[in-house]
Amino acid sequence: MANKIEDELVHASAQPRQLTAKLHAAHIGNCVVFNVGGNKFRLIAKIAFRRQIVYVRFILTHKEYDKEAWKNDCKC
């Protein structure tokens, strides 16, 4: 997944909507949420699009994700 995100940041124009649409992710608050591990986990990241840097904030199970504690970090 990290390689896919990196490739899209480098080769696409690195616009949030394009990245999330192409990788089937959701832009929530200041974060982008990806399904990973066969949809068993959620990877929550902050992305500095202009600098092309991905900051992984959390990797959570669905149960942990559903508690929504991560939303404070993403300013949701």
N, C-alpha and C. Protein backbone atom coordinates (compact mmCIF):
# COMPACT_ATOMS: atom_id res chain seq x y z
N MET A 1 0.83 -1.19 0.00
CA MET A 1 0.00 0.00 0.00
C MET A 1 0.87 1.25 0.00
N ALA A 2 1.93 1.25 0.78
CA ALA A 2 2.80 2.43 0.83
C ALA A 2 3.38 2.74 -0.54
N ASN A 3 3.76 1.71 -1.28
CA ASN A 3 4.31 1.93 -2.62
C ASN A 3 3.26 2.53 -3.55
N LYS A 4 2.02 2.08 -3.44
CA LYS A 4 0.95 2.63 -4.28
C LYS A 4 0.73 4.10 -3.97
N ILE A 5 0.71 4.45 -2.70
CA ILE A 5 0.52 5.84 -2.30
C ILE A 5 1.67 6.68 -2.83
N GLU A 6 2.89 6.19 -2.63
CA GLU A 6 4.08 6.92 -3.10
C GLU A 6 4.03 7.12 -4.61
N ASP A 7 3.70 6.08 -5.35
CA ASP A 7 3.62 6.19 -6.81
C ASP A 7 2.60 7.23 -7.23
N GLU A 8 1.46 7.23 -6.59
CA GLU A 8 0.43 8.19 -6.95
C GLU A 8 0.84 9.62 -6.62
N LEU A 9 1.53 9.81 -5.50
CA LEU A 9 1.99 11.14 -5.14
C LEU A 9 3.01 11.67 -6.13
N VAL A 10 3.88 10.79 -6.60
CA VAL A 10 4.95 11.20 -7.51
C VAL A 10 4.44 11.36 -8.94
N HIS A 11 3.65 10.41 -9.43
CA HIS A 11 3.29 10.38 -10.84
C HIS A 11 1.98 11.10 -11.17
N ALA A 12 1.10 11.21 -10.23
CA ALA A 12 -0.12 11.98 -10.46
C ALA A 12 0.17 13.42 -10.06
N SER A 13 -0.79 14.23 -10.24
CA SER A 13 -0.57 15.63 -9.85
C SER A 13 -0.75 15.80 -8.35
N ALA A 14 -0.89 14.71 -7.63
CA ALA A 14 -0.93 14.70 -6.17
C ALA A 14 -2.05 15.56 -5.59
N GLN A 15 -3.20 15.49 -6.22
CA GLN A 15 -4.37 16.18 -5.70
C GLN A 15 -5.14 15.22 -4.80
N PRO A 16 -5.61 15.70 -3.66
CA PRO A 16 -6.29 14.81 -2.71
C PRO A 16 -7.42 13.99 -3.33
N ARG A 17 -8.27 14.61 -4.13
CA ARG A 17 -9.41 13.87 -4.71
C ARG A 17 -8.95 12.78 -5.66
N GLN A 18 -7.91 13.05 -6.44
CA GLN A 18 -7.41 12.05 -7.37
C GLN A 18 -6.82 10.85 -6.64
N LEU A 19 -6.06 11.13 -5.61
CA LEU A 19 -5.42 10.06 -4.85
C LEU A 19 -6.46 9.18 -4.17
N THR A 20 -7.40 9.79 -3.49
CA THR A 20 -8.40 9.00 -2.76
C THR A 20 -9.29 8.22 -3.72
N ALA A 21 -9.63 8.79 -4.87
CA ALA A 21 -10.46 8.08 -5.83
C ALA A 21 -9.71 6.89 -6.43
N LYS A 22 -8.46 7.10 -6.79
CA LYS A 22 -7.69 6.04 -7.43
C LYS A 22 -7.37 4.89 -6.47
N LEU A 23 -7.15 5.20 -5.20
CA LEU A 23 -6.80 4.16 -4.21
C LEU A 23 -7.97 3.74 -3.34
N HIS A 24 -9.17 4.19 -3.69
CA HIS A 24 -10.39 3.82 -2.96
C HIS A 24 -10.27 4.13 -1.48
N ALA A 25 -9.86 5.35 -1.20
CA ALA A 25 -9.68 5.80 0.19
C ALA A 25 -10.70 6.90 0.47
N ALA A 26 -10.81 7.24 1.74
CA ALA A 26 -11.72 8.30 2.15
C ALA A 26 -10.93 9.44 2.77
N HIS A 27 -11.25 10.66 2.39
CA HIS A 27 -10.62 11.84 2.98
C HIS A 27 -11.53 12.29 4.12
N ILE A 28 -11.06 12.15 5.35
CA ILE A 28 -11.86 12.48 6.53
C ILE A 28 -11.10 13.49 7.37
N GLY A 29 -11.65 14.69 7.50
CA GLY A 29 -10.94 15.74 8.23
C GLY A 29 -9.61 16.02 7.59
N ASN A 30 -8.55 15.99 8.37
CA ASN A 30 -7.19 16.20 7.86
C ASN A 30 -6.49 14.90 7.51
N CYS A 31 -7.22 13.80 7.48
CA CYS A 31 -6.61 12.49 7.26
C CYS A 31 -7.20 11.79 6.04
N VAL A 32 -6.46 10.79 5.59
CA VAL A 32 -6.93 9.90 4.54
C VAL A 32 -6.96 8.50 5.13
N VAL A 33 -8.07 7.79 4.92
CA VAL A 33 -8.26 6.46 5.49
C VAL A 33 -8.24 5.43 4.36
N PHE A 34 -7.35 4.45 4.49
CA PHE A 34 -7.21 3.38 3.50
C PHE A 34 -7.60 2.05 4.12
N ASN A 35 -8.25 1.19 3.35
CA ASN A 35 -8.47 -0.20 3.74
C ASN A 35 -7.23 -0.98 3.34
N VAL A 36 -6.66 -1.73 4.28
CA VAL A 36 -5.46 -2.52 3.97
C VAL A 36 -5.61 -3.93 4.54
N GLY A 37 -4.72 -4.80 4.12
CA GLY A 37 -4.71 -6.17 4.63
C GLY A 37 -5.97 -6.93 4.28
N GLY A 38 -6.41 -6.81 3.03
CA GLY A 38 -7.62 -7.51 2.64
C GLY A 38 -8.84 -6.94 3.33
N ASN A 39 -8.81 -5.65 3.59
CA ASN A 39 -9.89 -4.92 4.27
C ASN A 39 -10.04 -5.35 5.73
N LYS A 40 -8.97 -5.87 6.33
CA LYS A 40 -8.99 -6.25 7.74
C LYS A 40 -8.55 -5.10 8.64
N PHE A 41 -7.84 -4.14 8.07
CA PHE A 41 -7.30 -3.03 8.85
C PHE A 41 -7.58 -1.71 8.15
N ARG A 42 -7.46 -0.64 8.93
CA ARG A 42 -7.55 0.72 8.40
C ARG A 42 -6.20 1.40 8.66
N LEU A 43 -5.64 1.98 7.61
CA LEU A 43 -4.43 2.78 7.74
C LEU A 43 -4.88 4.24 7.64
N ILE A 44 -4.59 5.00 8.68
CA ILE A 44 -4.99 6.40 8.73
C ILE A 44 -3.73 7.24 8.65
N ALA A 45 -3.69 8.13 7.66
CA ALA A 45 -2.49 8.92 7.40
C ALA A 45 -2.84 10.38 7.17
N LYS A 46 -1.87 11.23 7.48
CA LYS A 46 -1.92 12.63 7.06
C LYS A 46 -0.96 12.74 5.89
N ILE A 47 -1.38 13.45 4.85
CA ILE A 47 -0.54 13.54 3.66
C ILE A 47 -0.25 15.00 3.36
N ALA A 48 1.03 15.31 3.26
CA ALA A 48 1.48 16.64 2.84
C ALA A 48 1.63 16.57 1.33
N PHE A 49 0.57 16.91 0.61
CA PHE A 49 0.54 16.71 -0.83
C PHE A 49 1.61 17.51 -1.56
N ARG A 50 1.82 18.74 -1.19
CA ARG A 50 2.83 19.56 -1.89
C ARG A 50 4.23 19.03 -1.68
N ARG A 51 4.51 18.51 -0.48
CA ARG A 51 5.85 17.98 -0.20
C ARG A 51 5.95 16.49 -0.52
N GLN A 52 4.83 15.88 -0.85
CA GLN A 52 4.75 14.46 -1.18
C GLN A 52 5.25 13.57 -0.05
N ILE A 53 4.75 13.85 1.15
CA ILE A 53 5.13 13.07 2.33
C ILE A 53 3.87 12.49 2.97
N VAL A 54 3.94 11.21 3.33
CA VAL A 54 2.84 10.53 3.99
C VAL A 54 3.24 10.26 5.44
N TYR A 55 2.42 10.72 6.36
CA TYR A 55 2.64 10.50 7.78
C TYR A 55 1.60 9.49 8.26
N VAL A 56 2.01 8.26 8.51
CA VAL A 56 1.09 7.25 9.00
C VAL A 56 0.80 7.55 10.47
N ARG A 57 -0.46 7.76 10.77
CA ARG A 57 -0.87 8.10 12.14
C ARG A 57 -1.32 6.87 12.90
N PHE A 58 -2.08 5.99 12.25
CA PHE A 58 -2.62 4.81 12.92
C PHE A 58 -2.77 3.67 11.93
N ILE A 59 -2.61 2.45 12.43
CA ILE A 59 -3.04 1.24 11.73
C ILE A 59 -3.92 0.51 12.72
N LEU A 60 -5.20 0.41 12.38
CA LEU A 60 -6.20 -0.08 13.34
C LEU A 60 -7.00 -1.24 12.78
N THR A 61 -7.48 -2.09 13.67
CA THR A 61 -8.47 -3.09 13.28
C THR A 61 -9.80 -2.35 13.09
N HIS A 62 -10.78 -3.02 12.50
CA HIS A 62 -12.09 -2.39 12.35
C HIS A 62 -12.70 -2.04 13.70
N LYS A 63 -12.50 -2.90 14.67
CA LYS A 63 -13.04 -2.67 16.01
C LYS A 63 -12.43 -1.40 16.63
N GLU A 64 -11.11 -1.25 16.50
CA GLU A 64 -10.44 -0.05 17.01
C GLU A 64 -10.88 1.19 16.24
N TYR A 65 -10.99 1.05 14.93
CA TYR A 65 -11.40 2.16 14.07
C TYR A 65 -12.80 2.65 14.44
N ASP A 66 -13.69 1.71 14.70
CA ASP A 66 -15.08 2.05 15.03
C ASP A 66 -15.22 2.82 16.34
N LYS A 67 -14.23 2.73 17.21
CA LYS A 67 -14.28 3.51 18.46
C LYS A 67 -14.09 5.00 18.22
N GLU A 68 -13.56 5.36 17.06
CA GLU A 68 -13.41 6.73 16.58
C GLU A 68 -12.48 7.61 17.42
N ALA A 69 -11.63 7.03 18.25
CA ALA A 69 -10.67 7.83 19.02
C ALA A 69 -9.67 8.52 18.10
N TRP A 70 -9.40 7.96 16.94
CA TRP A 70 -8.46 8.52 15.98
C TRP A 70 -8.94 9.85 15.41
N LYS A 71 -10.23 10.13 15.48
CA LYS A 71 -10.77 11.34 14.89
C LYS A 71 -10.26 12.61 15.55
N ASN A 72 -9.88 12.54 16.83
CA ASN A 72 -9.32 13.72 17.49
C ASN A 72 -8.03 14.17 16.80
N ASP A 73 -7.21 13.22 16.39
CA ASP A 73 -5.95 13.51 15.72
C ASP A 73 -6.19 14.12 14.33
N CYS A 74 -7.30 13.73 13.70
CA CYS A 74 -7.60 14.20 12.35
C CYS A 74 -8.50 15.42 12.33
N LYS A 75 -8.84 15.91 13.49
CA LYS A 75 -9.69 17.09 13.62
C LYS A 75 -11.02 16.93 12.91
N CYS A 76 -11.67 15.81 13.21
CA CYS A 76 -12.99 15.53 12.62
C CYS A 76 -14.10 15.99 13.54
